[in-house]
Protein backbone atom coordinates (compact mmCIF):
# COMPACT_ATOMS: atom_id res chain seq x y z
CA UNK A 1 -8.01 -24.50 -1.22
CA UNK A 2 -5.17 -22.83 -3.06
CA UNK A 3 -6.01 -19.39 -4.46
CA UNK A 4 -3.81 -17.19 -6.61
CA UNK A 5 -3.81 -13.44 -6.98
CA UNK A 6 -2.04 -10.90 -9.15
CA UNK A 7 -0.81 -7.59 -7.77
CA UNK A 8 0.10 -4.68 -10.07
CA UNK A 9 1.73 -1.44 -8.96
CA UNK A 10 0.97 2.05 -10.28
CA UNK A 11 3.31 3.95 -7.94
CA UNK A 12 3.04 5.33 -4.41
CA UNK A 13 0.18 3.51 -2.64
CA UNK A 14 -1.76 2.55 -5.76
CA UNK A 15 -2.05 -1.22 -6.17
CA UNK A 16 -4.47 -3.28 -8.23
CA UNK A 17 -5.22 -6.74 -6.82
CA UNK A 18 -6.97 -9.34 -8.96
CA UNK A 19 -8.53 -12.37 -7.24
CA UNK A 20 -10.93 -14.83 -8.87
CA UNK A 21 -11.69 -12.46 -11.73
CA UNK A 22 -12.42 -9.48 -9.45
CA UNK A 23 -10.20 -6.39 -9.37
CA UNK A 24 -9.66 -4.32 -6.23
CA UNK A 25 -7.93 -0.95 -6.55
CA UNK A 26 -6.20 0.62 -3.56
CA UNK A 27 -5.46 4.35 -3.22
CA UNK A 28 -5.28 5.78 -6.76
CA UNK A 29 -3.65 9.22 -6.82
CA UNK A 30 -4.21 12.29 -8.97
CA UNK A 31 -1.66 14.35 -10.90
CA UNK A 32 -0.46 16.38 -7.91
CA UNK A 33 2.99 14.82 -8.23
CA UNK A 34 3.02 15.33 -12.02
CA UNK A 35 2.35 11.64 -12.62
CA UNK A 36 -0.69 10.36 -14.49
CA UNK A 37 -1.91 6.85 -13.69
CA UNK A 38 -4.64 6.93 -16.35
CA UNK A 39 -7.89 4.99 -16.00
CA UNK A 40 -7.87 1.64 -14.22
CA UNK A 41 -10.66 -0.87 -14.61
CA UNK A 42 -11.68 -2.17 -11.17
CA UNK A 43 -14.70 -3.69 -9.46
CA UNK A 44 -13.91 -2.25 -6.03
CA UNK A 45 -11.98 0.89 -5.09
CA UNK A 46 -10.69 1.41 -1.56
CA UNK A 47 -9.45 4.91 -0.74
CA UNK A 48 -7.78 5.53 2.62
CA UNK A 49 -8.23 9.31 2.54
CA UNK A 50 -9.20 12.26 0.35
CA UNK A 51 -5.62 13.50 0.04
CA UNK A 52 -4.35 13.90 -3.53
CA UNK A 53 -2.08 10.87 -3.28
CA UNK A 54 -4.80 8.49 -2.03
CA UNK A 55 -8.26 9.66 -3.08
CA UNK A 56 -8.52 9.92 -6.87
CA UNK A 57 -11.75 7.93 -7.12
CA UNK A 58 -12.24 9.12 -10.72
CA UNK A 59 -9.42 6.79 -11.77
CA UNK A 60 -11.90 3.90 -11.91
CA UNK A 61 -15.32 5.34 -12.86
CA UNK A 62 -17.27 2.06 -12.69
CA UNK A 63 -15.89 0.75 -9.39
CA UNK A 64 -17.83 0.30 -6.17
CA UNK A 65 -16.17 2.85 -3.88
CA UNK A 66 -15.26 2.50 -0.20
CA UNK A 67 -13.80 5.48 1.67
CA UNK A 68 -15.17 5.02 5.17
CA UNK A 69 -14.70 2.89 8.32
CA UNK A 70 -16.94 -0.12 8.87
CA UNK A 71 -17.49 -3.62 7.55
CA UNK A 72 -19.08 -4.48 4.21
CA UNK A 73 -19.44 -7.57 2.04
CA UNK A 74 -19.23 -7.28 -1.73
CA UNK A 75 -18.84 -10.07 -4.32
CA UNK A 76 -17.67 -12.51 -1.66
CA UNK A 77 -15.06 -10.11 -0.25
CA UNK A 78 -15.20 -8.89 3.35
CA UNK A 79 -14.02 -5.29 3.47
CA UNK A 80 -13.04 -3.81 6.83
CA UNK A 81 -12.20 -0.13 7.20
CA UNK A 82 -10.53 0.89 10.47
CA UNK A 83 -10.32 4.56 11.40
CA UNK A 84 -6.87 5.90 12.23
CA UNK A 85 -4.76 9.02 11.81
CA UNK A 86 -1.57 9.96 10.04
CA UNK A 87 1.19 11.89 11.79
CA UNK A 88 -0.29 15.30 10.97
CA UNK A 89 -3.54 14.24 12.65
CA UNK A 90 -5.68 13.95 9.53
CA UNK A 91 -7.94 10.92 8.97
CA UNK A 92 -6.62 7.69 7.47
CA UNK A 93 -8.67 4.53 6.96
CA UNK A 94 -6.75 1.26 7.19
CA UNK A 95 -8.48 -1.10 4.76
CA UNK A 96 -8.41 -4.88 4.94
CA UNK A 97 -9.96 -7.11 2.31
CA UNK A 98 -10.33 -10.83 2.92
CA UNK A 99 -11.33 -13.65 0.60
CA UNK A 100 -11.05 -17.41 1.18
CA UNK A 101 -8.11 -17.22 3.57
CA UNK A 102 -6.37 -14.34 1.77
CA UNK A 103 -6.12 -11.23 3.94
CA UNK A 104 -4.68 -8.02 2.45
CA UNK A 105 -4.27 -4.81 4.43
CA UNK A 106 -3.36 -1.38 3.12
CA UNK A 107 -2.02 0.63 6.04
CA UNK A 108 -1.54 3.69 3.80
CA UNK A 109 -0.64 6.75 5.93
CA UNK A 110 -0.98 5.15 9.35
CA UNK A 111 1.49 7.25 11.31
CA UNK A 112 4.04 6.41 13.97
CA UNK A 113 2.75 9.19 16.23
CA UNK A 114 -0.45 8.83 18.23
CA UNK A 115 0.00 5.08 18.43
CA UNK A 116 -1.50 4.93 21.92
CA UNK A 117 -4.74 6.55 20.70
CA UNK A 118 -5.04 4.12 17.78
CA UNK A 119 -4.19 1.15 19.97
CA UNK A 120 -6.88 2.03 22.48
CA UNK A 121 -9.49 2.53 19.75
CA UNK A 122 -9.19 -0.97 18.27
CA UNK A 123 -11.93 -3.49 19.00
CA UNK A 124 -11.26 -7.19 19.51
CA UNK A 125 -12.58 -7.92 16.02
CA UNK A 126 -10.44 -5.19 14.43
CA UNK A 127 -7.33 -6.57 16.10
CA UNK A 128 -8.18 -10.02 14.77
CA UNK A 129 -8.60 -8.64 11.25
CA UNK A 130 -5.22 -6.91 11.36
CA UNK A 131 -3.57 -9.97 12.88
CA UNK A 132 -4.88 -12.09 9.97
CA UNK A 133 -2.96 -10.04 7.39
CA UNK A 134 -1.06 -12.19 4.89
CA UNK A 135 -0.09 -9.32 2.59
CA UNK A 136 0.56 -5.77 3.82
CA UNK A 137 0.95 -2.61 1.79
CA UNK A 138 3.11 -0.62 4.20
CA UNK A 139 4.77 2.77 4.20
CA UNK A 140 8.29 2.72 5.68
CA UNK A 141 8.04 4.80 8.84
CA UNK A 142 10.71 6.74 10.69
CA UNK A 143 10.72 8.63 13.96
CA UNK A 144 11.72 11.93 12.35
CA UNK A 145 9.60 13.07 9.42
CA UNK A 146 12.69 14.51 7.72
CA UNK A 147 14.42 11.74 5.76
CA UNK A 148 18.19 11.60 6.09
CA UNK A 149 20.88 8.95 5.82
CA UNK A 150 20.73 8.13 9.54
CA UNK A 151 17.05 7.28 10.07
CA UNK A 152 15.46 5.62 13.09
CA UNK A 153 12.70 3.34 11.86
CA UNK A 154 9.40 2.85 13.66
CA UNK A 155 7.19 0.54 11.59
CA UNK A 156 4.29 0.36 14.01
CA UNK A 157 2.34 -1.77 11.51
CA UNK A 158 4.32 -4.76 12.79
CA UNK A 159 2.82 -4.24 16.23
CA UNK A 160 -0.52 -5.40 14.83
CA UNK A 161 0.43 -8.08 12.31
CA UNK A 162 3.30 -10.22 11.08
CA UNK A 163 2.51 -10.46 7.36
CA UNK A 164 4.06 -13.08 5.12
CA UNK A 165 4.58 -10.54 2.35
CA UNK A 166 5.14 -6.79 2.60
CA UNK A 167 4.91 -4.43 -0.36
CA UNK A 168 6.58 -1.10 0.50
CA UNK A 169 4.59 1.92 -0.66
CA UNK A 170 4.59 5.71 -0.84
CA UNK A 171 7.46 6.01 -3.31
CA UNK A 172 8.32 5.55 -7.00
CA UNK A 173 10.80 2.96 -8.27
CA UNK A 174 14.20 4.05 -9.45
CA UNK A 175 13.52 2.76 -12.99
CA UNK A 176 10.60 5.19 -13.38
CA UNK A 177 12.58 8.08 -11.90
CA UNK A 178 15.57 7.41 -14.16
CA UNK A 179 13.51 7.00 -17.33
CA UNK A 180 10.80 9.64 -16.97
CA UNK A 181 11.43 12.21 -14.23
CA UNK A 182 13.38 15.36 -15.25
CA UNK A 183 16.78 15.84 -13.66
CA UNK A 184 15.54 18.89 -11.76
CA UNK A 185 12.94 16.73 -9.96
CA UNK A 186 14.92 13.53 -9.45
CA UNK A 187 16.21 14.38 -5.95
CA UNK A 188 12.68 14.97 -4.66
CA UNK A 189 11.42 11.71 -6.15
CA UNK A 190 14.40 9.71 -4.90
CA UNK A 191 14.20 10.83 -1.27
CA UNK A 192 11.54 8.31 -0.12
CA UNK A 193 13.64 5.53 -1.67
CA UNK A 194 16.22 6.07 1.08
CA UNK A 195 13.96 4.70 3.82
CA UNK A 196 12.46 2.11 1.47
CA UNK A 197 15.92 0.70 0.83
CA UNK A 198 16.56 0.61 4.59
CA UNK A 199 13.41 -1.38 5.30
CA UNK A 200 14.78 -4.97 5.03
CA UNK A 201 17.48 -4.35 7.60
CA UNK A 202 15.19 -2.23 9.79
CA UNK A 203 12.50 -4.90 10.21
CA UNK A 204 14.47 -8.10 9.56
CA UNK A 205 12.61 -9.22 6.45
CA UNK A 206 14.61 -10.38 3.41
CA UNK A 207 13.82 -8.62 0.16
CA UNK A 208 12.74 -10.20 -3.11
CA UNK A 209 13.23 -7.86 -6.05
CA UNK A 210 10.88 -8.37 -8.99
CA UNK A 211 11.89 -6.77 -12.27
CA UNK A 212 8.30 -6.08 -13.27
CA UNK A 213 5.26 -4.04 -12.28
CA UNK A 214 3.23 -7.11 -11.31
CA UNK A 215 3.57 -10.42 -9.52
CA UNK A 216 1.40 -13.51 -9.13
CA UNK A 217 1.21 -15.00 -5.64
CA UNK A 218 -0.27 -18.31 -4.52
CA UNK A 219 -1.95 -18.58 -1.14
CA UNK A 220 0.35 -21.56 -0.54
CA UNK A 221 3.20 -19.04 -0.36
CA UNK A 222 1.79 -17.70 2.89
CA UNK A 223 2.83 -20.89 4.65
CA UNK A 224 6.44 -20.78 3.51
CA UNK A 225 7.77 -17.22 3.32
CA UNK A 226 8.27 -13.95 5.11
CA UNK A 227 9.59 -11.43 2.66
CA UNK A 228 9.48 -7.90 1.29
CA UNK A 229 8.38 -7.93 -2.35
CA UNK A 230 9.88 -4.95 -4.12
CA UNK A 231 8.48 -4.31 -7.59
CA UNK A 232 11.11 -2.53 -9.67
CA UNK A 233 8.78 -1.14 -12.32
CA UNK A 234 5.43 0.59 -12.71
CA UNK A 235 2.50 -0.33 -14.92
CA UNK A 236 3.43 0.93 -18.42
CA UNK A 237 0.48 3.30 -18.64
CA UNK A 238 1.85 5.43 -15.78
CA UNK A 239 3.47 8.53 -17.21
CA UNK A 240 5.28 11.59 -15.89
CA UNK A 241 3.62 14.73 -17.23
CA UNK A 242 5.09 18.23 -17.40
CA UNK A 243 3.37 20.38 -14.76
């Protein structure tokens, strides 16, 4: 059966996915980066960590919240949280949500270091869940944490799945930076865009640029494409605020 879903982007790792009238919010962030995402109406909220840029559970006060590893079922959705770590060693939960053949995974801050430990920790079922991923929210990953113009990429996510569609995360689009971020802060905001722009060549996926903050995808697309979807705008309620 063909299913459709709509994905909206609020910046960094914050995505809202709507399937069959249900809304799932991934990794809302607080105002630590001087950006306000406002309130977002969602049924489910999946937060990969308690860090400022992933764990603002107050962004959706009425949502059912998941912040922990394990498997749960809610409203027909199977939610799988897999414990991992980011490069600095702090906890990160990789969340997968599946519904009628649609499998979406937010890898969030899954790091390139400590891969052997993560690999050994995975169960057979967890590997199968990751392998089923149709849509991945994925942070571009490089060997050196310091971003330059000569980066060596190491997207270890692709060791565990070959998604049909990848949404890069952990950055802000250039349109938002140009229109709202003060000149004194632009360089800091633009830096993650360097490795994001390198991603298509680094992993061999073509890029599809979408001049909007949202996109509708049909599950039929999973049979026909392998592409990076790059949303060029943010939801209009997202605003830069003076710190």
